[in-house]
Amino acid sequence: MDNIRVNSANSKTEIERAFFLLQEIKEKEIQLHHFGISYENRTLQLQKEDIQSIETIKDMEVFLSEYNR
C-alpha cells in the first residue's frame, strides 16, 4: 500500500483501503502490534487491542472521528 495521507478529499476511499488491508492481515493471522494512519497532518496509531476491535469500515471511521476531535 502506498504511503498516502488521508484528508477530507480522499478519506472515504483511503479509510476503506486501510480497513481492507487490516482485514487481510488479520485473515492471514499476521500479528501487528500497531498500525499507523496519517490523517489531517497527524498520525493515528492503532494498538493491538484497537486492531482486533475493528470489524467494519464504520469502526475504522469511528476511530478516526474520535481521534480528529
N, C-alpha and C. Protein backbone atom coordinates (compact mmCIF):
# COMPACT_ATOMS: atom_id res chain seq x y z
N MET A 1 0.85 -1.18 0.00
CA MET A 1 0.00 0.00 0.00
C MET A 1 0.89 1.23 0.00
N ASP A 2 0.54 2.18 -0.82
CA ASP A 2 1.32 3.41 -0.90
C ASP A 2 1.20 4.20 0.39
N ASN A 3 2.17 5.04 0.65
CA ASN A 3 2.12 5.94 1.79
C ASN A 3 1.32 7.17 1.37
N ILE A 4 0.00 7.10 1.57
CA ILE A 4 -0.92 8.16 1.15
C ILE A 4 -1.52 8.80 2.39
N ARG A 5 -1.48 10.11 2.44
CA ARG A 5 -2.09 10.82 3.57
C ARG A 5 -3.59 10.92 3.37
N VAL A 6 -4.33 10.61 4.42
CA VAL A 6 -5.79 10.71 4.38
C VAL A 6 -6.17 12.14 4.70
N ASN A 7 -7.04 12.70 3.87
CA ASN A 7 -7.55 14.05 4.12
C ASN A 7 -9.04 14.07 3.78
N SER A 8 -9.67 15.20 3.92
CA SER A 8 -11.11 15.27 3.71
C SER A 8 -11.51 14.91 2.28
N ALA A 9 -10.64 15.15 1.31
CA ALA A 9 -10.97 14.88 -0.09
C ALA A 9 -10.94 13.38 -0.42
N ASN A 10 -10.09 12.62 0.25
CA ASN A 10 -9.95 11.20 -0.09
C ASN A 10 -10.26 10.26 1.07
N SER A 11 -10.83 10.78 2.14
CA SER A 11 -10.98 9.98 3.36
C SER A 11 -11.79 8.71 3.17
N LYS A 12 -12.91 8.76 2.47
CA LYS A 12 -13.75 7.57 2.31
C LYS A 12 -12.98 6.44 1.63
N THR A 13 -12.34 6.75 0.52
CA THR A 13 -11.59 5.74 -0.22
C THR A 13 -10.42 5.20 0.59
N GLU A 14 -9.66 6.08 1.23
CA GLU A 14 -8.47 5.65 1.96
C GLU A 14 -8.82 4.92 3.25
N ILE A 15 -9.90 5.30 3.90
CA ILE A 15 -10.34 4.57 5.10
C ILE A 15 -10.75 3.16 4.70
N GLU A 16 -11.44 3.02 3.58
CA GLU A 16 -11.81 1.69 3.09
C GLU A 16 -10.56 0.87 2.78
N ARG A 17 -9.58 1.48 2.12
CA ARG A 17 -8.34 0.76 1.80
C ARG A 17 -7.63 0.30 3.07
N ALA A 18 -7.55 1.18 4.07
CA ALA A 18 -6.90 0.81 5.33
C ALA A 18 -7.66 -0.32 6.01
N PHE A 19 -8.98 -0.24 6.00
CA PHE A 19 -9.80 -1.29 6.61
C PHE A 19 -9.56 -2.64 5.92
N PHE A 20 -9.62 -2.65 4.58
CA PHE A 20 -9.44 -3.91 3.86
C PHE A 20 -8.02 -4.46 4.04
N LEU A 21 -7.04 -3.60 4.14
CA LEU A 21 -5.68 -4.05 4.43
C LEU A 21 -5.62 -4.70 5.81
N LEU A 22 -6.20 -4.06 6.81
CA LEU A 22 -6.22 -4.64 8.16
C LEU A 22 -6.94 -5.99 8.16
N GLN A 23 -8.06 -6.08 7.46
CA GLN A 23 -8.81 -7.34 7.41
C GLN A 23 -7.97 -8.44 6.78
N GLU A 24 -7.27 -8.12 5.71
CA GLU A 24 -6.42 -9.12 5.05
C GLU A 24 -5.30 -9.58 5.98
N ILE A 25 -4.70 -8.66 6.69
CA ILE A 25 -3.64 -9.00 7.64
C ILE A 25 -4.19 -9.90 8.75
N LYS A 26 -5.38 -9.57 9.25
CA LYS A 26 -5.99 -10.39 10.30
C LYS A 26 -6.34 -11.78 9.79
N GLU A 27 -6.87 -11.88 8.56
CA GLU A 27 -7.22 -13.18 7.99
C GLU A 27 -6.00 -14.06 7.81
N LYS A 28 -4.87 -13.45 7.49
CA LYS A 28 -3.63 -14.21 7.31
C LYS A 28 -2.94 -14.47 8.65
N GLU A 29 -3.56 -13.99 9.72
CA GLU A 29 -3.07 -14.18 11.09
C GLU A 29 -1.67 -13.60 11.29
N ILE A 30 -1.41 -12.49 10.63
CA ILE A 30 -0.16 -11.75 10.84
C ILE A 30 -0.34 -10.90 12.09
N GLN A 31 0.57 -11.01 13.02
CA GLN A 31 0.45 -10.28 14.27
C GLN A 31 1.00 -8.86 14.13
N LEU A 32 0.15 -7.88 14.39
CA LEU A 32 0.56 -6.48 14.39
C LEU A 32 0.48 -5.94 15.81
N HIS A 33 1.46 -5.15 16.19
CA HIS A 33 1.41 -4.50 17.50
C HIS A 33 0.90 -3.08 17.39
N HIS A 34 1.04 -2.49 16.20
CA HIS A 34 0.45 -1.18 15.94
C HIS A 34 0.33 -0.95 14.44
N PHE A 35 -0.55 -0.03 14.08
CA PHE A 35 -0.83 0.28 12.68
C PHE A 35 -1.08 1.78 12.62
N GLY A 36 -0.33 2.50 11.80
CA GLY A 36 -0.44 3.96 11.74
C GLY A 36 -1.20 4.43 10.52
N ILE A 37 -2.06 5.43 10.73
CA ILE A 37 -2.79 6.07 9.64
C ILE A 37 -2.59 7.56 9.78
N SER A 38 -2.03 8.18 8.74
CA SER A 38 -1.88 9.64 8.75
C SER A 38 -3.20 10.26 8.33
N TYR A 39 -3.67 11.22 9.12
CA TYR A 39 -4.97 11.84 8.86
C TYR A 39 -4.92 13.30 9.29
N GLU A 40 -5.19 14.19 8.35
CA GLU A 40 -5.19 15.63 8.64
C GLU A 40 -3.90 16.07 9.34
N ASN A 41 -2.76 15.69 8.79
CA ASN A 41 -1.43 16.08 9.28
C ASN A 41 -1.08 15.51 10.66
N ARG A 42 -1.78 14.49 11.08
CA ARG A 42 -1.44 13.77 12.33
C ARG A 42 -1.44 12.29 12.02
N THR A 43 -0.87 11.49 12.89
CA THR A 43 -0.85 10.05 12.67
C THR A 43 -1.58 9.35 13.81
N LEU A 44 -2.58 8.58 13.44
CA LEU A 44 -3.32 7.75 14.39
C LEU A 44 -2.59 6.43 14.49
N GLN A 45 -2.19 6.04 15.67
CA GLN A 45 -1.54 4.77 15.90
C GLN A 45 -2.54 3.83 16.56
N LEU A 46 -2.98 2.83 15.83
CA LEU A 46 -3.87 1.81 16.39
C LEU A 46 -3.01 0.76 17.08
N GLN A 47 -3.32 0.48 18.31
CA GLN A 47 -2.60 -0.54 19.06
C GLN A 47 -3.23 -1.90 18.80
N LYS A 48 -2.59 -2.96 19.26
CA LYS A 48 -3.04 -4.33 19.02
C LYS A 48 -4.51 -4.52 19.40
N GLU A 49 -4.92 -3.98 20.54
CA GLU A 49 -6.30 -4.14 21.00
C GLU A 49 -7.27 -3.41 20.07
N ASP A 50 -6.85 -2.23 19.59
CA ASP A 50 -7.67 -1.45 18.66
C ASP A 50 -7.85 -2.22 17.35
N ILE A 51 -6.76 -2.78 16.85
CA ILE A 51 -6.79 -3.52 15.59
C ILE A 51 -7.78 -4.66 15.68
N GLN A 52 -7.74 -5.39 16.78
CA GLN A 52 -8.65 -6.53 16.95
C GLN A 52 -10.11 -6.10 17.04
N SER A 53 -10.36 -4.89 17.53
CA SER A 53 -11.74 -4.44 17.71
C SER A 53 -12.36 -3.89 16.43
N ILE A 54 -11.57 -3.65 15.40
CA ILE A 54 -12.09 -3.10 14.15
C ILE A 54 -12.61 -4.24 13.29
N GLU A 55 -13.94 -4.27 13.15
CA GLU A 55 -14.58 -5.33 12.37
C GLU A 55 -15.30 -4.79 11.14
N THR A 56 -15.53 -3.47 11.07
CA THR A 56 -16.26 -2.88 9.95
C THR A 56 -15.58 -1.57 9.54
N ILE A 57 -15.93 -1.10 8.36
CA ILE A 57 -15.42 0.20 7.91
C ILE A 57 -15.90 1.28 8.87
N LYS A 58 -17.11 1.15 9.38
CA LYS A 58 -17.65 2.12 10.34
C LYS A 58 -16.77 2.18 11.58
N ASP A 59 -16.29 1.04 12.06
CA ASP A 59 -15.39 1.02 13.22
C ASP A 59 -14.14 1.86 12.94
N MET A 60 -13.60 1.72 11.74
CA MET A 60 -12.41 2.49 11.36
C MET A 60 -12.75 3.98 11.34
N GLU A 61 -13.90 4.33 10.79
CA GLU A 61 -14.33 5.73 10.74
C GLU A 61 -14.49 6.30 12.15
N VAL A 62 -15.02 5.50 13.08
CA VAL A 62 -15.21 5.95 14.45
C VAL A 62 -13.87 6.28 15.10
N PHE A 63 -12.88 5.41 14.91
CA PHE A 63 -11.54 5.67 15.45
C PHE A 63 -11.01 6.99 14.93
N LEU A 64 -11.14 7.22 13.62
CA LEU A 64 -10.63 8.45 13.03
C LEU A 64 -11.41 9.67 13.47
N SER A 65 -12.72 9.55 13.60
CA SER A 65 -13.51 10.72 14.02
C SER A 65 -13.21 11.08 15.47
N GLU A 66 -13.06 10.08 16.34
CA GLU A 66 -12.72 10.35 17.74
C GLU A 66 -11.32 10.95 17.83
N TYR A 67 -10.40 10.44 17.01
CA TYR A 67 -9.03 10.94 17.01
C TYR A 67 -8.96 12.37 16.50
N ASN A 68 -9.83 12.72 15.57
CA ASN A 68 -9.78 14.02 14.92
C ASN A 68 -10.36 15.13 15.79
N ARG A 69 -10.96 14.82 16.92
CA ARG A 69 -11.55 15.83 17.81
C ARG A 69 -10.51 16.73 18.41
